[in-house]
């Protein structure tokens, strides 16, 4: 960080144009525009596929709270993963409806990559999630049609699987229920 530059504050996030997502990573404001439709579709479908069996216990083991784009305040960093989940043994009660953000690090995060955010997601956000003890991270690329599954090891993230295309997968920590990747992707022109 440059000398004499004051750390970003929550006011900087609030000053962003409507529709932009603001995060503070190592005292720096990182702003992302509203994502494209492929990104939005992945978040919607994946949320739908995970919520019933894992958050609601319908057709699956339950045991999780899963949230779409929650604001996380982890130390001085403010992050907004696309999806995040907390095991109920670590967070027995959900946050109250008026809580604006979470300070307990999740057990699982999912970042859906956009060309404009891929570098930040991989090189800046993943290390913060690791530092905060997040156990699993998924990186999904809606253009390449890939799901990368990472497990936290003491030394860093271990890439345990890369799934591609239409595979039916069991991806930790949600491996109790198979996930059909094909449902996540919008068809591209010419594909």
N, C-alpha and C. Protein backbone atom coordinates (compact mmCIF):
# COMPACT_ATOMS: atom_id res chain seq x y z
N UNK A 1 0.85 -1.19 0.00
CA UNK A 1 0.00 0.00 0.00
C UNK A 1 0.89 1.25 0.00
N UNK A 2 0.50 2.22 -0.80
CA UNK A 2 1.31 3.44 -0.94
C UNK A 2 1.34 4.25 0.33
N UNK A 3 2.39 5.03 0.51
CA UNK A 3 2.51 5.87 1.71
C UNK A 3 1.52 7.02 1.64
N UNK A 4 0.99 7.40 2.78
CA UNK A 4 0.10 8.55 2.86
C UNK A 4 -1.30 8.28 2.36
N UNK A 5 -1.55 7.05 1.87
CA UNK A 5 -2.90 6.72 1.42
C UNK A 5 -3.67 6.19 2.61
N UNK A 6 -4.81 6.80 2.92
CA UNK A 6 -5.51 6.32 4.10
C UNK A 6 -6.29 5.05 3.78
N UNK A 7 -6.38 4.15 4.76
CA UNK A 7 -7.10 2.91 4.52
C UNK A 7 -8.54 3.17 4.11
N UNK A 8 -9.06 2.32 3.24
CA UNK A 8 -10.46 2.44 2.83
C UNK A 8 -11.36 2.21 4.04
N UNK A 9 -12.54 2.82 3.99
CA UNK A 9 -13.49 2.70 5.10
C UNK A 9 -14.85 2.28 4.55
N UNK A 10 -15.75 1.99 5.47
CA UNK A 10 -17.09 1.57 5.06
C UNK A 10 -17.78 2.68 4.26
N UNK A 11 -17.44 3.92 4.55
CA UNK A 11 -18.03 5.04 3.80
C UNK A 11 -17.68 4.93 2.31
N UNK A 12 -16.48 4.42 2.02
CA UNK A 12 -16.09 4.25 0.61
C UNK A 12 -16.99 3.22 -0.08
N UNK A 13 -17.37 2.19 0.64
CA UNK A 13 -18.29 1.19 0.07
C UNK A 13 -19.66 1.83 -0.16
N UNK A 14 -20.13 2.58 0.84
CA UNK A 14 -21.46 3.19 0.72
C UNK A 14 -21.53 4.22 -0.40
N UNK A 15 -20.39 4.80 -0.78
CA UNK A 15 -20.36 5.83 -1.81
C UNK A 15 -20.35 5.26 -3.23
N UNK A 16 -20.26 3.93 -3.36
CA UNK A 16 -20.22 3.34 -4.70
C UNK A 16 -21.55 3.50 -5.41
N UNK A 17 -21.53 3.51 -6.76
CA UNK A 17 -22.80 3.58 -7.49
C UNK A 17 -23.68 2.38 -7.18
N UNK A 18 -24.98 2.56 -7.32
CA UNK A 18 -25.95 1.49 -7.08
C UNK A 18 -25.59 0.29 -7.96
N UNK A 19 -25.65 -0.91 -7.39
CA UNK A 19 -25.39 -2.11 -8.17
C UNK A 19 -23.95 -2.58 -8.09
N UNK A 20 -23.04 -1.74 -7.62
CA UNK A 20 -21.65 -2.17 -7.46
C UNK A 20 -21.50 -2.84 -6.11
N UNK A 21 -20.60 -3.83 -6.05
CA UNK A 21 -20.28 -4.50 -4.80
C UNK A 21 -18.92 -4.00 -4.35
N UNK A 22 -18.85 -3.52 -3.11
CA UNK A 22 -17.58 -3.05 -2.56
C UNK A 22 -17.04 -4.01 -1.53
N UNK A 23 -15.74 -4.23 -1.58
CA UNK A 23 -15.06 -5.03 -0.58
C UNK A 23 -13.82 -4.27 -0.15
N UNK A 24 -13.35 -4.54 1.06
CA UNK A 24 -12.10 -3.94 1.52
C UNK A 24 -11.13 -5.07 1.80
N UNK A 25 -10.07 -5.13 0.99
CA UNK A 25 -9.07 -6.19 1.10
C UNK A 25 -7.74 -5.54 1.44
N UNK A 26 -7.23 -5.88 2.61
CA UNK A 26 -5.97 -5.30 3.08
C UNK A 26 -5.98 -3.78 2.96
N UNK A 27 -7.05 -3.17 3.49
CA UNK A 27 -7.22 -1.71 3.57
C UNK A 27 -7.53 -1.04 2.24
N UNK A 28 -7.68 -1.81 1.15
CA UNK A 28 -7.92 -1.20 -0.15
C UNK A 28 -9.35 -1.51 -0.61
N UNK A 29 -10.04 -0.48 -1.12
CA UNK A 29 -11.37 -0.67 -1.67
C UNK A 29 -11.26 -1.39 -3.02
N UNK A 30 -12.01 -2.50 -3.16
CA UNK A 30 -12.09 -3.21 -4.43
C UNK A 30 -13.56 -3.21 -4.82
N UNK A 31 -13.87 -2.58 -5.95
CA UNK A 31 -15.27 -2.46 -6.39
C UNK A 31 -15.49 -3.29 -7.64
N UNK A 32 -16.61 -4.02 -7.67
CA UNK A 32 -16.94 -4.88 -8.81
C UNK A 32 -18.32 -4.49 -9.33
N UNK A 33 -18.45 -4.41 -10.66
CA UNK A 33 -19.76 -4.11 -11.23
C UNK A 33 -20.71 -5.28 -11.05
N UNK A 34 -21.99 -5.04 -11.26
CA UNK A 34 -22.98 -6.12 -11.21
C UNK A 34 -22.56 -7.18 -12.23
N UNK A 35 -22.55 -8.46 -11.83
CA UNK A 35 -22.04 -9.49 -12.73
C UNK A 35 -22.95 -9.79 -13.92
N UNK A 36 -22.38 -10.44 -14.93
CA UNK A 36 -23.12 -10.82 -16.13
C UNK A 36 -24.08 -11.97 -15.83
N UNK A 37 -24.92 -12.29 -16.81
CA UNK A 37 -26.00 -13.26 -16.59
C UNK A 37 -25.50 -14.67 -16.31
N UNK A 38 -24.38 -15.07 -16.90
CA UNK A 38 -23.86 -16.41 -16.63
C UNK A 38 -23.51 -16.58 -15.16
N UNK A 39 -22.94 -15.54 -14.59
CA UNK A 39 -22.57 -15.50 -13.17
C UNK A 39 -23.82 -15.56 -12.30
N UNK A 40 -24.81 -14.75 -12.65
CA UNK A 40 -26.05 -14.70 -11.90
C UNK A 40 -26.76 -16.05 -11.92
N UNK A 41 -26.74 -16.71 -13.08
CA UNK A 41 -27.39 -18.01 -13.24
C UNK A 41 -26.71 -19.06 -12.36
N UNK A 42 -25.37 -19.09 -12.35
CA UNK A 42 -24.64 -20.04 -11.50
C UNK A 42 -25.06 -19.85 -10.04
N UNK A 43 -25.07 -18.60 -9.57
CA UNK A 43 -25.42 -18.34 -8.16
C UNK A 43 -26.84 -18.81 -7.85
N UNK A 44 -27.78 -18.52 -8.77
CA UNK A 44 -29.18 -18.90 -8.54
C UNK A 44 -29.34 -20.41 -8.49
N UNK A 45 -28.80 -21.10 -9.50
CA UNK A 45 -28.98 -22.55 -9.58
C UNK A 45 -28.24 -23.26 -8.45
N UNK A 46 -27.00 -22.84 -8.19
CA UNK A 46 -26.24 -23.50 -7.13
C UNK A 46 -26.92 -23.29 -5.77
N UNK A 47 -27.37 -22.07 -5.52
CA UNK A 47 -28.10 -21.80 -4.28
C UNK A 47 -29.32 -22.70 -4.15
N UNK A 48 -30.08 -22.83 -5.24
CA UNK A 48 -31.27 -23.68 -5.22
C UNK A 48 -30.91 -25.13 -4.95
N UNK A 49 -29.82 -25.60 -5.60
CA UNK A 49 -29.41 -27.00 -5.46
C UNK A 49 -28.91 -27.31 -4.04
N UNK A 50 -28.29 -26.34 -3.38
CA UNK A 50 -27.70 -26.60 -2.06
C UNK A 50 -28.67 -26.31 -0.91
N UNK A 51 -29.55 -25.31 -1.09
CA UNK A 51 -30.40 -24.89 0.02
C UNK A 51 -31.32 -25.99 0.52
N UNK A 52 -32.04 -26.65 -0.40
CA UNK A 52 -32.99 -27.65 0.07
C UNK A 52 -32.33 -28.76 0.87
N UNK A 53 -31.33 -29.48 0.31
CA UNK A 53 -30.78 -30.60 1.08
C UNK A 53 -29.94 -30.19 2.29
N UNK A 54 -29.23 -29.06 2.20
CA UNK A 54 -28.26 -28.75 3.25
C UNK A 54 -28.73 -27.69 4.24
N UNK A 55 -29.48 -26.70 3.79
CA UNK A 55 -29.94 -25.66 4.71
C UNK A 55 -31.30 -26.03 5.29
N UNK A 56 -32.19 -26.57 4.44
CA UNK A 56 -33.55 -26.88 4.88
C UNK A 56 -33.72 -28.35 5.28
N UNK A 57 -32.73 -29.19 4.95
CA UNK A 57 -32.82 -30.61 5.31
C UNK A 57 -33.85 -31.38 4.49
N UNK A 58 -34.20 -30.87 3.32
CA UNK A 58 -35.20 -31.49 2.45
C UNK A 58 -34.47 -32.30 1.38
N UNK A 59 -34.48 -33.64 1.51
CA UNK A 59 -33.78 -34.48 0.54
C UNK A 59 -32.28 -34.54 0.77
N UNK A 60 -31.85 -34.15 1.96
CA UNK A 60 -30.42 -34.18 2.28
C UNK A 60 -30.23 -34.10 3.78
N UNK A 61 -28.96 -34.01 4.20
CA UNK A 61 -28.66 -34.12 5.63
C UNK A 61 -28.91 -32.86 6.46
N UNK A 62 -29.15 -31.72 5.83
CA UNK A 62 -29.28 -30.49 6.62
C UNK A 62 -27.96 -30.11 7.25
N UNK A 63 -28.03 -29.34 8.34
CA UNK A 63 -26.83 -29.02 9.11
C UNK A 63 -26.10 -27.76 8.71
N UNK A 64 -26.64 -26.99 7.76
CA UNK A 64 -25.96 -25.78 7.29
C UNK A 64 -26.90 -24.59 7.27
N UNK A 65 -26.32 -23.41 7.35
CA UNK A 65 -26.97 -22.15 6.96
C UNK A 65 -26.24 -21.70 5.71
N UNK A 66 -26.96 -21.47 4.63
CA UNK A 66 -26.35 -21.04 3.37
C UNK A 66 -26.95 -19.69 2.98
N UNK A 67 -26.07 -18.73 2.67
CA UNK A 67 -26.51 -17.38 2.33
C UNK A 67 -25.94 -16.93 1.00
N UNK A 68 -26.73 -16.16 0.29
CA UNK A 68 -26.34 -15.58 -0.99
C UNK A 68 -25.69 -14.21 -0.73
N UNK A 69 -24.48 -14.03 -1.21
CA UNK A 69 -23.75 -12.75 -1.15
C UNK A 69 -23.79 -12.09 0.24
N UNK A 70 -23.43 -12.83 1.30
CA UNK A 70 -23.40 -12.20 2.62
C UNK A 70 -22.18 -11.28 2.74
N UNK A 71 -22.34 -10.22 3.50
CA UNK A 71 -21.20 -9.35 3.78
C UNK A 71 -20.48 -9.90 5.01
N UNK A 72 -19.18 -10.14 4.87
CA UNK A 72 -18.37 -10.69 5.95
C UNK A 72 -17.39 -9.63 6.43
N UNK A 73 -17.34 -9.40 7.73
CA UNK A 73 -16.34 -8.51 8.32
C UNK A 73 -15.37 -9.41 9.08
N UNK A 74 -14.19 -9.64 8.48
CA UNK A 74 -13.19 -10.56 9.03
C UNK A 74 -11.95 -9.75 9.33
N UNK A 75 -11.73 -9.45 10.59
CA UNK A 75 -10.65 -8.54 10.95
C UNK A 75 -10.94 -7.19 10.29
N UNK A 76 -9.94 -6.65 9.59
CA UNK A 76 -10.14 -5.36 8.92
C UNK A 76 -10.68 -5.53 7.50
N UNK A 77 -10.81 -6.80 7.08
CA UNK A 77 -11.25 -7.05 5.71
C UNK A 77 -12.77 -7.18 5.64
N UNK A 78 -13.34 -6.69 4.56
CA UNK A 78 -14.77 -6.82 4.29
C UNK A 78 -14.89 -7.54 2.95
N UNK A 79 -15.49 -8.72 2.98
CA UNK A 79 -15.61 -9.53 1.77
C UNK A 79 -17.07 -9.89 1.53
N UNK A 80 -17.40 -10.06 0.25
CA UNK A 80 -18.75 -10.49 -0.13
C UNK A 80 -18.62 -11.68 -1.08
N UNK A 81 -18.56 -12.90 -0.53
CA UNK A 81 -18.52 -14.06 -1.42
C UNK A 81 -19.87 -14.21 -2.12
N UNK A 82 -19.88 -14.91 -3.25
CA UNK A 82 -21.14 -15.11 -3.96
C UNK A 82 -22.10 -15.97 -3.15
N UNK A 83 -21.58 -17.02 -2.51
CA UNK A 83 -22.36 -17.85 -1.61
C UNK A 83 -21.45 -18.23 -0.45
N UNK A 84 -22.04 -18.45 0.71
CA UNK A 84 -21.26 -18.89 1.86
C UNK A 84 -22.15 -19.75 2.74
N UNK A 85 -21.51 -20.70 3.44
CA UNK A 85 -22.25 -21.59 4.31
C UNK A 85 -21.56 -21.75 5.65
N UNK A 86 -22.39 -21.87 6.68
CA UNK A 86 -21.91 -22.09 8.04
C UNK A 86 -22.50 -23.40 8.55
N UNK A 87 -21.65 -24.26 9.11
CA UNK A 87 -22.15 -25.48 9.75
C UNK A 87 -22.91 -25.08 11.02
N UNK A 88 -24.04 -25.74 11.25
CA UNK A 88 -24.86 -25.36 12.40
C UNK A 88 -24.20 -25.69 13.73
N UNK A 89 -23.25 -26.64 13.75
CA UNK A 89 -22.56 -26.87 15.03
C UNK A 89 -21.68 -25.66 15.39
N UNK A 90 -21.23 -24.89 14.41
CA UNK A 90 -20.45 -23.67 14.70
C UNK A 90 -21.36 -22.46 14.88
N UNK A 91 -22.51 -22.46 14.24
CA UNK A 91 -23.44 -21.34 14.34
C UNK A 91 -24.85 -21.93 14.51
N UNK A 92 -25.19 -22.30 15.75
CA UNK A 92 -26.47 -22.99 15.98
C UNK A 92 -27.68 -22.16 15.56
N UNK A 93 -27.65 -20.86 15.83
CA UNK A 93 -28.77 -20.00 15.46
C UNK A 93 -28.36 -19.13 14.28
N UNK A 94 -29.28 -18.89 13.35
CA UNK A 94 -28.93 -18.01 12.23
C UNK A 94 -28.79 -16.58 12.74
N UNK A 95 -28.17 -15.71 11.93
CA UNK A 95 -28.12 -14.31 12.33
C UNK A 95 -29.54 -13.74 12.38
N UNK A 96 -29.74 -12.70 13.19
CA UNK A 96 -31.07 -12.10 13.24
C UNK A 96 -31.31 -11.35 11.92
N UNK A 97 -32.57 -11.20 11.51
CA UNK A 97 -32.86 -10.65 10.19
C UNK A 97 -32.32 -9.25 9.95
N UNK A 98 -32.14 -8.49 11.02
CA UNK A 98 -31.66 -7.11 10.81
C UNK A 98 -30.14 -6.98 10.84
N UNK A 99 -29.43 -8.08 11.12
CA UNK A 99 -27.96 -8.00 11.14
C UNK A 99 -27.44 -7.65 9.76
N UNK A 100 -26.60 -6.60 9.64
CA UNK A 100 -26.14 -6.19 8.31
C UNK A 100 -24.98 -7.02 7.77
N UNK A 101 -24.25 -7.69 8.65
CA UNK A 101 -23.09 -8.46 8.19
C UNK A 101 -22.76 -9.54 9.21
N UNK A 102 -21.84 -10.44 8.81
CA UNK A 102 -21.40 -11.52 9.68
C UNK A 102 -19.95 -11.30 10.07
N UNK A 103 -19.61 -11.63 11.31
CA UNK A 103 -18.23 -11.56 11.76
C UNK A 103 -17.63 -12.95 11.99
N UNK A 104 -18.47 -13.99 11.97
CA UNK A 104 -17.98 -15.37 12.09
C UNK A 104 -17.65 -15.86 10.69
N UNK A 105 -16.40 -16.28 10.49
CA UNK A 105 -16.00 -16.77 9.17
C UNK A 105 -16.83 -17.99 8.80
N UNK A 106 -17.22 -18.11 7.53
CA UNK A 106 -17.99 -19.29 7.11
C UNK A 106 -17.12 -20.54 7.06
N UNK A 107 -17.79 -21.69 6.92
CA UNK A 107 -17.09 -22.96 6.75
C UNK A 107 -16.83 -23.25 5.28
N UNK A 108 -17.62 -22.63 4.41
CA UNK A 108 -17.51 -22.83 2.96
C UNK A 108 -17.82 -21.51 2.27
N UNK A 109 -17.05 -21.20 1.26
CA UNK A 109 -17.34 -20.04 0.41
C UNK A 109 -17.31 -20.49 -1.04
N UNK A 110 -18.10 -19.80 -1.85
CA UNK A 110 -18.08 -20.02 -3.29
C UNK A 110 -17.92 -18.67 -3.97
N UNK A 111 -16.92 -18.57 -4.81
CA UNK A 111 -16.73 -17.38 -5.64
C UNK A 111 -16.96 -17.78 -7.08
N UNK A 112 -17.87 -17.07 -7.74
CA UNK A 112 -18.12 -17.29 -9.16
C UNK A 112 -17.27 -16.27 -9.91
N UNK A 113 -16.39 -16.78 -10.74
CA UNK A 113 -15.37 -15.93 -11.36
C UNK A 113 -15.93 -15.15 -12.54
N UNK A 114 -15.56 -13.89 -12.61
CA UNK A 114 -15.83 -13.05 -13.78
C UNK A 114 -14.47 -12.63 -14.31
N UNK A 115 -14.37 -12.31 -15.60
CA UNK A 115 -13.07 -11.84 -16.10
C UNK A 115 -12.52 -10.68 -15.27
N UNK A 116 -13.40 -9.81 -14.75
CA UNK A 116 -12.93 -8.65 -14.00
C UNK A 116 -12.58 -8.97 -12.55
N UNK A 117 -13.01 -10.13 -12.02
CA UNK A 117 -12.76 -10.43 -10.60
C UNK A 117 -11.84 -11.61 -10.37
N UNK A 118 -11.47 -12.35 -11.42
CA UNK A 118 -10.76 -13.62 -11.21
C UNK A 118 -9.45 -13.41 -10.44
N UNK A 119 -8.70 -12.38 -10.77
CA UNK A 119 -7.41 -12.17 -10.10
C UNK A 119 -7.62 -11.86 -8.61
N UNK A 120 -8.60 -11.00 -8.31
CA UNK A 120 -8.89 -10.66 -6.91
C UNK A 120 -9.37 -11.90 -6.15
N UNK A 121 -10.27 -12.67 -6.76
CA UNK A 121 -10.81 -13.84 -6.08
C UNK A 121 -9.69 -14.83 -5.75
N UNK A 122 -8.80 -15.09 -6.72
CA UNK A 122 -7.76 -16.10 -6.52
C UNK A 122 -6.62 -15.62 -5.63
N UNK A 123 -6.13 -14.41 -5.86
CA UNK A 123 -4.88 -14.02 -5.21
C UNK A 123 -5.07 -13.18 -3.96
N UNK A 124 -6.26 -12.59 -3.80
CA UNK A 124 -6.46 -11.73 -2.64
C UNK A 124 -7.50 -12.25 -1.66
N UNK A 125 -8.61 -12.77 -2.20
CA UNK A 125 -9.66 -13.25 -1.30
C UNK A 125 -9.34 -14.64 -0.72
N UNK A 126 -8.86 -15.56 -1.56
CA UNK A 126 -8.57 -16.90 -1.04
C UNK A 126 -7.60 -16.88 0.14
N UNK A 127 -6.52 -16.08 0.10
CA UNK A 127 -5.63 -16.05 1.28
C UNK A 127 -6.32 -15.53 2.55
N UNK A 128 -7.24 -14.59 2.41
CA UNK A 128 -7.97 -14.09 3.59
C UNK A 128 -8.88 -15.18 4.13
N UNK A 129 -9.59 -15.87 3.24
CA UNK A 129 -10.44 -16.98 3.70
C UNK A 129 -9.60 -18.03 4.42
N UNK A 130 -8.42 -18.32 3.90
CA UNK A 130 -7.53 -19.30 4.55
C UNK A 130 -7.13 -18.81 5.93
N UNK A 131 -6.70 -17.57 6.00
CA UNK A 131 -6.28 -16.97 7.28
C UNK A 131 -7.38 -17.08 8.32
N UNK A 132 -8.64 -16.92 7.89
CA UNK A 132 -9.77 -16.91 8.82
C UNK A 132 -10.31 -18.31 9.13
N UNK A 133 -9.69 -19.35 8.56
CA UNK A 133 -10.07 -20.71 8.91
C UNK A 133 -11.20 -21.31 8.11
N UNK A 134 -11.59 -20.69 7.01
CA UNK A 134 -12.62 -21.27 6.14
C UNK A 134 -12.12 -22.64 5.67
N UNK A 135 -12.96 -23.67 5.79
CA UNK A 135 -12.51 -25.04 5.53
C UNK A 135 -12.54 -25.44 4.06
N UNK A 136 -13.49 -24.90 3.30
CA UNK A 136 -13.63 -25.26 1.89
C UNK A 136 -13.94 -24.02 1.07
N UNK A 137 -13.39 -23.98 -0.14
CA UNK A 137 -13.68 -22.90 -1.08
C UNK A 137 -13.93 -23.50 -2.45
N UNK A 138 -14.95 -22.99 -3.12
CA UNK A 138 -15.23 -23.38 -4.50
C UNK A 138 -15.00 -22.16 -5.37
N UNK A 139 -14.33 -22.37 -6.50
CA UNK A 139 -14.22 -21.35 -7.53
C UNK A 139 -14.91 -21.90 -8.77
N UNK A 140 -15.89 -21.17 -9.25
CA UNK A 140 -16.67 -21.61 -10.41
C UNK A 140 -16.48 -20.61 -11.53
N UNK A 141 -16.13 -21.12 -12.71
CA UNK A 141 -15.96 -20.26 -13.89
C UNK A 141 -17.09 -20.56 -14.87
N UNK A 142 -18.06 -19.63 -15.00
CA UNK A 142 -19.22 -19.91 -15.85
C UNK A 142 -18.90 -19.88 -17.34
N UNK A 143 -17.76 -19.30 -17.73
CA UNK A 143 -17.38 -19.29 -19.14
C UNK A 143 -16.62 -20.55 -19.52
N UNK A 144 -15.70 -20.98 -18.64
CA UNK A 144 -14.96 -22.23 -18.88
C UNK A 144 -15.75 -23.46 -18.44
N UNK A 145 -16.88 -23.24 -17.71
CA UNK A 145 -17.71 -24.34 -17.20
C UNK A 145 -16.91 -25.27 -16.29
N UNK A 146 -16.23 -24.68 -15.31
CA UNK A 146 -15.43 -25.46 -14.37
C UNK A 146 -15.80 -25.16 -12.92
N UNK A 147 -15.65 -26.17 -12.09
CA UNK A 147 -15.77 -26.05 -10.63
C UNK A 147 -14.47 -26.56 -10.04
N UNK A 148 -13.76 -25.68 -9.33
CA UNK A 148 -12.56 -26.08 -8.59
C UNK A 148 -12.91 -26.16 -7.12
N UNK A 149 -12.56 -27.29 -6.50
CA UNK A 149 -12.87 -27.54 -5.10
C UNK A 149 -11.57 -27.50 -4.29
N UNK A 150 -11.52 -26.60 -3.32
CA UNK A 150 -10.33 -26.45 -2.48
C UNK A 150 -10.65 -26.84 -1.04
N UNK A 151 -9.69 -27.52 -0.40
CA UNK A 151 -9.79 -27.84 1.02
C UNK A 151 -8.65 -27.13 1.73
N UNK A 152 -8.98 -26.57 2.89
CA UNK A 152 -7.97 -25.86 3.66
C UNK A 152 -7.01 -26.85 4.31
N UNK A 153 -5.71 -26.64 4.10
CA UNK A 153 -4.65 -27.37 4.79
C UNK A 153 -3.88 -26.31 5.58
N UNK A 154 -3.16 -26.69 6.64
CA UNK A 154 -2.44 -25.68 7.41
C UNK A 154 -1.52 -24.80 6.56
N UNK A 155 -0.92 -25.40 5.53
CA UNK A 155 0.05 -24.65 4.73
C UNK A 155 -0.59 -23.82 3.61
N UNK A 156 -1.85 -24.08 3.32
CA UNK A 156 -2.49 -23.35 2.22
C UNK A 156 -3.67 -24.14 1.68
N UNK A 157 -4.17 -23.73 0.53
CA UNK A 157 -5.32 -24.41 -0.08
C UNK A 157 -4.84 -25.60 -0.89
N UNK A 158 -5.51 -26.73 -0.72
CA UNK A 158 -5.26 -27.92 -1.53
C UNK A 158 -6.39 -28.04 -2.54
N UNK A 159 -6.04 -28.03 -3.83
CA UNK A 159 -7.04 -28.24 -4.88
C UNK A 159 -7.35 -29.73 -4.91
N UNK A 160 -8.55 -30.13 -4.46
CA UNK A 160 -8.88 -31.55 -4.37
C UNK A 160 -9.54 -32.06 -5.64
N UNK A 161 -10.16 -31.18 -6.43
CA UNK A 161 -10.82 -31.63 -7.66
C UNK A 161 -11.06 -30.44 -8.57
N UNK A 162 -10.99 -30.70 -9.87
CA UNK A 162 -11.45 -29.75 -10.88
C UNK A 162 -12.47 -30.50 -11.73
N UNK A 163 -13.69 -30.03 -11.72
CA UNK A 163 -14.77 -30.67 -12.48
C UNK A 163 -15.11 -29.77 -13.66
N UNK A 164 -15.43 -30.41 -14.79
CA UNK A 164 -15.63 -29.68 -16.02
C UNK A 164 -16.94 -30.09 -16.69
N UNK A 165 -17.60 -29.12 -17.31
CA UNK A 165 -18.70 -29.43 -18.21
C UNK A 165 -19.94 -29.95 -17.52
N UNK A 166 -20.44 -31.08 -18.00
CA UNK A 166 -21.76 -31.58 -17.57
C UNK A 166 -21.67 -32.64 -16.47
N UNK A 167 -20.49 -32.83 -15.88
CA UNK A 167 -20.30 -33.92 -14.92
C UNK A 167 -21.35 -33.91 -13.80
N UNK A 168 -21.66 -35.10 -13.31
CA UNK A 168 -22.41 -35.26 -12.07
C UNK A 168 -21.36 -35.46 -10.99
N UNK A 169 -21.28 -34.55 -10.03
CA UNK A 169 -20.15 -34.57 -9.09
C UNK A 169 -20.63 -34.66 -7.64
N UNK A 170 -19.75 -35.14 -6.82
CA UNK A 170 -19.92 -35.05 -5.36
C UNK A 170 -18.76 -34.20 -4.87
N UNK A 171 -19.06 -32.98 -4.53
CA UNK A 171 -18.02 -32.00 -4.20
C UNK A 171 -18.07 -31.67 -2.72
N UNK A 172 -16.94 -31.89 -2.03
CA UNK A 172 -16.92 -31.59 -0.59
C UNK A 172 -17.06 -30.08 -0.38
N UNK A 173 -17.70 -29.64 0.67
CA UNK A 173 -18.26 -30.39 1.80
C UNK A 173 -19.71 -30.85 1.58
N UNK A 174 -20.23 -30.72 0.34
CA UNK A 174 -21.62 -31.05 0.06
C UNK A 174 -21.73 -32.36 -0.72
N UNK A 175 -20.80 -33.30 -0.44
CA UNK A 175 -20.72 -34.53 -1.21
C UNK A 175 -21.80 -35.55 -0.85
N UNK A 176 -22.65 -35.25 0.14
CA UNK A 176 -23.75 -36.16 0.46
C UNK A 176 -24.78 -36.21 -0.66
N UNK A 177 -24.82 -35.18 -1.50
CA UNK A 177 -25.81 -35.08 -2.56
C UNK A 177 -25.09 -34.81 -3.88
N UNK A 178 -25.37 -35.59 -4.93
CA UNK A 178 -24.72 -35.33 -6.21
C UNK A 178 -25.21 -34.02 -6.84
N UNK A 179 -24.32 -33.34 -7.52
CA UNK A 179 -24.61 -32.05 -8.14
C UNK A 179 -24.35 -32.18 -9.63
N UNK A 180 -25.37 -31.93 -10.44
CA UNK A 180 -25.20 -31.97 -11.90
C UNK A 180 -24.70 -30.62 -12.38
N UNK A 181 -23.45 -30.57 -12.82
CA UNK A 181 -22.86 -29.28 -13.21
C UNK A 181 -23.56 -28.67 -14.43
N UNK A 182 -24.11 -29.52 -15.31
CA UNK A 182 -24.70 -28.99 -16.54
C UNK A 182 -25.76 -27.93 -16.28
N UNK A 183 -26.47 -28.06 -15.16
CA UNK A 183 -27.53 -27.10 -14.84
C UNK A 183 -26.99 -25.69 -14.56
N UNK A 184 -25.70 -25.59 -14.25
CA UNK A 184 -25.14 -24.29 -13.86
C UNK A 184 -24.85 -23.38 -15.06
N UNK A 185 -24.70 -23.99 -16.24
CA UNK A 185 -24.16 -23.20 -17.37
C UNK A 185 -25.25 -22.74 -18.32
N UNK A 186 -25.19 -21.48 -18.71
CA UNK A 186 -26.03 -21.00 -19.80
C UNK A 186 -25.30 -21.33 -21.10
N UNK A 187 -26.05 -21.72 -22.13
CA UNK A 187 -25.41 -22.03 -23.42
C UNK A 187 -24.83 -20.75 -24.01
N UNK A 188 -23.62 -20.85 -24.52
CA UNK A 188 -23.00 -19.70 -25.19
C UNK A 188 -23.33 -19.74 -26.67
N UNK A 189 -23.38 -18.57 -27.25
CA UNK A 189 -23.60 -18.50 -28.69
C UNK A 189 -22.52 -19.30 -29.39
N UNK A 190 -22.90 -20.15 -30.32
CA UNK A 190 -21.91 -20.91 -31.08
C UNK A 190 -21.42 -22.15 -30.37
N UNK A 191 -21.99 -22.49 -29.16
CA UNK A 191 -21.50 -23.70 -28.50
C UNK A 191 -22.47 -24.84 -28.75
